[in-house]
Amino acid sequence: MYTQETIRVNDHDFPSYAEGKVIPHGLYDINKNKGYITLGTSHDTSEFACECIRLWWLTHGSTDYPLANSILLLCDCGGSNNARYYLFKEDLQRLSDELGIEIRIAHYPPYTSKYNPIEHRLFPHITRACKGVVFKSVELVNQLMGKTKTTTGLQVFSRILDKMFEIGRKVADDFKETMRIQFDNFLPQWNYRAVPKKPKVWEVI
């Protein structure tokens, strides 16, 4: 993908000059050393973040962990999965109900997300794989990120999510009164879990 020819580019990234946009959302499995990148083309919303989690579980997570009844996600404190956003908690609760499993969230406090393993074990290698390339299409970004690998066995799975996500959504009026989000006793503003309405029942054979 590299070239020795001179490529003329703008010295700043002006959205008004772009023909489209790509929003990468990453998940990293510490145990299996696998990264999962979803490339959105709409908006970075809490619904988008939860849809990325959903797609990972349906395509990889449920296969890798068939007997799991809960998921632990280490998240940044801001962005689409902001610790202060009840809209993210509402979408998370809806996802937990759909999948039938508990989703536990542990947010890193503000300005400490650099300690999240994904920052050291996935994103630097993705950056390296995309170095020196001008992104001319979402397909090119998907191709580059999907080829990311390391000598220690990192695998990266990348996919494009060409779906529109609404901005400006408001949390339901009664969500805080009816939610099943359970906050931890220790640092409840950053640690909580979404409990499914009907937990998945495993059949023992």
Protein backbone atom coordinates (compact mmCIF):
# COMPACT_ATOMS: atom_id res chain seq x y z
CA MET A 1 0.00 0.00 0.00
CA TYR A 2 3.04 2.26 0.30
CA THR A 3 4.35 4.45 -2.51
CA GLN A 4 7.47 6.47 -3.29
CA GLU A 5 5.46 8.99 -5.26
CA THR A 6 4.58 12.35 -3.77
CA ILE A 7 0.96 12.56 -2.63
CA ARG A 8 -0.58 16.00 -2.20
CA VAL A 9 -2.78 16.27 0.89
CA ASN A 10 -4.18 19.07 3.03
CA ASP A 11 -2.15 20.03 6.09
CA HIS A 12 -5.35 20.04 8.18
CA ASP A 13 -8.30 17.68 8.35
CA PHE A 14 -11.30 19.77 7.36
CA PRO A 15 -14.60 17.81 7.54
CA SER A 16 -16.08 20.08 4.87
CA TYR A 17 -13.52 18.76 2.37
CA ALA A 18 -14.26 15.11 3.07
CA GLU A 19 -16.41 12.95 0.83
CA GLY A 20 -17.43 10.80 3.80
CA LYS A 21 -16.35 9.82 7.26
CA VAL A 22 -15.34 6.72 9.13
CA ILE A 23 -15.78 6.17 12.88
CA PRO A 24 -13.74 3.26 14.27
CA HIS A 25 -15.02 1.55 17.41
CA GLY A 26 -12.74 -1.07 18.92
CA LEU A 27 -13.08 -4.01 21.29
CA TYR A 28 -10.12 -6.04 22.48
CA ASP A 29 -10.25 -9.53 23.98
CA ILE A 30 -7.37 -9.75 26.46
CA ASN A 31 -7.56 -13.53 26.82
CA LYS A 32 -7.47 -14.35 23.11
CA ASN A 33 -5.39 -11.37 21.94
CA LYS A 34 -7.98 -10.47 19.32
CA GLY A 35 -9.18 -7.06 18.26
CA TYR A 36 -12.54 -6.25 16.73
CA ILE A 37 -13.01 -3.01 14.81
CA THR A 38 -16.36 -1.73 13.62
CA LEU A 39 -16.21 1.13 11.13
CA GLY A 40 -19.27 3.35 11.37
CA THR A 41 -20.20 5.83 8.66
CA SER A 42 -22.91 7.78 10.49
CA HIS A 43 -22.49 9.24 13.99
CA ASP A 44 -20.60 8.25 17.14
CA THR A 45 -23.58 7.76 19.45
CA SER A 46 -24.33 5.51 22.42
CA GLU A 47 -26.57 3.45 20.13
CA PHE A 48 -23.61 2.96 17.79
CA ALA A 49 -21.37 1.86 20.68
CA CYS A 50 -23.94 -0.70 21.85
CA GLU A 51 -24.49 -1.95 18.30
CA CYS A 52 -20.75 -2.62 18.04
CA ILE A 53 -20.90 -4.64 21.25
CA ARG A 54 -23.93 -6.51 19.94
CA LEU A 55 -22.26 -7.39 16.63
CA TRP A 56 -19.13 -8.60 18.43
CA TRP A 57 -21.15 -10.85 20.72
CA LEU A 58 -23.28 -12.34 17.94
CA THR A 59 -20.37 -12.98 15.55
CA HIS A 60 -17.50 -13.80 17.93
CA GLY A 61 -18.21 -13.53 21.64
CA SER A 62 -20.98 -16.10 21.90
CA THR A 63 -18.83 -18.59 19.96
CA ASP A 64 -15.65 -17.97 21.93
CA TYR A 65 -17.49 -18.02 25.27
CA PRO A 66 -20.58 -20.21 24.75
CA LEU A 67 -21.30 -20.64 28.50
CA ALA A 68 -20.79 -17.02 29.49
CA ASN A 69 -23.61 -15.34 31.41
CA SER A 70 -21.92 -11.94 31.72
CA ILE A 71 -19.54 -9.60 29.88
CA LEU A 72 -17.02 -7.22 31.45
CA LEU A 73 -16.19 -4.15 29.38
CA LEU A 74 -13.43 -1.69 30.31
CA CYS A 75 -14.52 1.64 28.86
CA ASP A 76 -13.22 5.17 28.63
CA CYS A 77 -15.08 7.77 30.63
CA GLY A 78 -16.11 9.95 27.70
CA GLY A 79 -17.25 9.65 24.12
CA SER A 80 -20.27 7.66 23.02
CA ASN A 81 -20.04 5.43 26.13
CA ASN A 82 -19.76 8.37 28.53
CA ALA A 83 -20.02 7.37 32.18
CA ARG A 84 -22.38 10.27 32.85
CA TYR A 85 -24.80 9.54 30.00
CA TYR A 86 -27.99 7.78 31.01
CA LEU A 87 -28.70 7.36 27.31
CA PHE A 88 -25.77 4.95 27.12
CA LYS A 89 -27.12 3.09 30.13
CA GLU A 90 -30.56 2.90 28.52
CA ASP A 91 -29.13 1.47 25.28
CA LEU A 92 -26.96 -0.88 27.33
CA GLN A 93 -29.99 -2.12 29.25
CA ARG A 94 -31.83 -2.76 26.00
CA LEU A 95 -28.84 -4.72 24.69
CA SER A 96 -28.62 -6.78 27.88
CA ASP A 97 -32.31 -7.66 27.58
CA GLU A 98 -31.87 -8.71 23.94
CA LEU A 99 -28.83 -10.90 24.56
CA GLY A 100 -30.03 -12.26 27.88
CA ILE A 101 -26.69 -11.73 29.59
CA GLU A 102 -25.40 -9.33 32.20
CA ILE A 103 -23.16 -6.54 30.89
CA ARG A 104 -20.78 -5.13 33.49
CA ILE A 105 -19.15 -1.78 32.79
CA ALA A 106 -15.96 -0.51 34.44
CA HIS A 107 -15.10 3.02 33.31
CA TYR A 108 -11.60 4.39 33.60
CA PRO A 109 -11.69 7.74 35.46
CA PRO A 110 -11.15 10.88 33.37
CA TYR A 111 -7.62 11.27 31.93
CA THR A 112 -6.63 7.68 32.77
CA SER A 113 -7.85 5.82 29.67
CA LYS A 114 -4.20 5.36 28.61
CA TYR A 115 -4.09 2.52 31.13
CA ASN A 116 -6.78 0.59 29.24
CA PRO A 117 -5.12 -2.49 27.65
CA ILE A 118 -6.71 -1.69 24.29
CA GLU A 119 -4.58 1.46 24.11
CA HIS A 120 -1.34 -0.55 24.24
CA ARG A 121 -2.22 -3.88 22.67
CA LEU A 122 -4.48 -2.93 19.75
CA PHE A 123 -4.60 0.71 18.69
CA PRO A 124 -0.81 1.24 18.21
CA HIS A 125 -0.66 -1.72 15.82
CA ILE A 126 -3.68 -0.49 13.89
CA THR A 127 -2.04 2.93 13.60
CA ARG A 128 1.11 1.27 12.28
CA ALA A 129 -0.87 -0.73 9.71
CA CYS A 130 -2.45 2.47 8.39
CA LYS A 131 0.75 4.54 8.39
CA GLY A 132 1.57 6.41 5.21
CA VAL A 133 -1.77 5.76 3.52
CA VAL A 134 -4.35 8.34 2.49
CA PHE A 135 -7.84 7.10 3.33
CA LYS A 136 -9.77 7.35 0.10
CA SER A 137 -12.63 5.02 1.04
CA VAL A 138 -14.12 3.15 3.96
CA GLU A 139 -13.28 -0.08 2.17
CA LEU A 140 -9.59 0.84 2.16
CA VAL A 141 -9.66 1.57 5.90
CA ASN A 142 -11.40 -1.74 6.50
CA GLN A 143 -8.81 -3.59 4.41
CA LEU A 144 -5.85 -2.01 6.23
CA MET A 145 -7.19 -2.52 9.73
CA GLY A 146 -8.20 -6.10 8.97
CA LYS A 147 -4.60 -6.92 8.01
CA THR A 148 -3.19 -5.76 11.34
CA LYS A 149 -1.17 -8.43 13.11
CA THR A 150 1.88 -8.84 15.35
CA THR A 151 4.55 -11.46 15.94
CA THR A 152 2.94 -12.19 19.31
CA GLY A 153 -0.25 -13.41 17.62
CA LEU A 154 -2.58 -10.41 17.57
CA GLN A 155 -5.50 -10.90 15.19
CA VAL A 156 -7.79 -8.09 14.09
CA PHE A 157 -11.25 -8.49 12.62
CA SER A 158 -12.70 -5.43 10.90
CA ARG A 159 -16.13 -4.78 9.45
CA ILE A 160 -18.10 -1.84 8.04
CA LEU A 161 -21.36 -0.83 9.70
CA ASP A 162 -23.19 1.26 7.13
CA LYS A 163 -26.14 2.17 9.32
CA MET A 164 -27.62 5.54 10.26
CA PHE A 165 -27.67 6.48 13.94
CA GLU A 166 -29.84 9.30 15.18
CA ILE A 167 -28.25 12.20 17.03
CA GLY A 168 -30.03 14.34 19.61
CA ARG A 169 -31.89 11.41 21.21
CA LYS A 170 -33.16 11.88 24.75
CA VAL A 171 -33.34 9.30 27.51
CA ALA A 172 -36.86 8.03 28.28
CA ASP A 173 -38.66 10.07 30.93
CA ASP A 174 -39.16 7.11 33.28
CA PHE A 175 -35.86 5.34 32.66
CA LYS A 176 -34.19 6.37 35.92
CA GLU A 177 -37.19 5.11 37.89
CA THR A 178 -37.60 1.81 36.03
CA MET A 179 -34.03 0.92 35.00
CA ARG A 180 -32.38 -2.30 36.14
CA ILE A 181 -28.90 -0.79 36.13
CA GLN A 182 -27.21 -1.84 39.36
CA PHE A 183 -24.45 0.44 40.60
CA ASP A 184 -21.50 -0.98 42.53
CA ASN A 185 -20.87 0.09 46.09
CA PHE A 186 -17.30 0.96 45.12
CA LEU A 187 -17.10 3.98 42.78
CA PRO A 188 -20.68 3.64 41.51
CA GLN A 189 -20.25 6.56 39.11
CA TRP A 190 -17.86 4.39 37.08
CA ASN A 191 -18.82 0.81 37.92
CA TYR A 192 -22.24 -0.66 37.20
CA ARG A 193 -23.99 -3.51 35.41
CA ALA A 194 -27.02 -3.96 33.21
CA VAL A 195 -29.05 -6.97 34.33
CA PRO A 196 -31.23 -8.68 31.69
CA LYS A 197 -34.97 -8.93 32.22
CA LYS A 198 -34.87 -12.63 31.30
CA PRO A 199 -31.40 -14.11 31.87
CA LYS A 200 -30.30 -16.81 29.46
CA VAL A 201 -30.91 -20.30 30.82
CA TRP A 202 -28.32 -22.98 30.03
CA GLU A 203 -29.38 -26.55 29.41
CA VAL A 204 -27.11 -29.13 30.97
CA ILE A 205 -26.87 -32.33 28.90
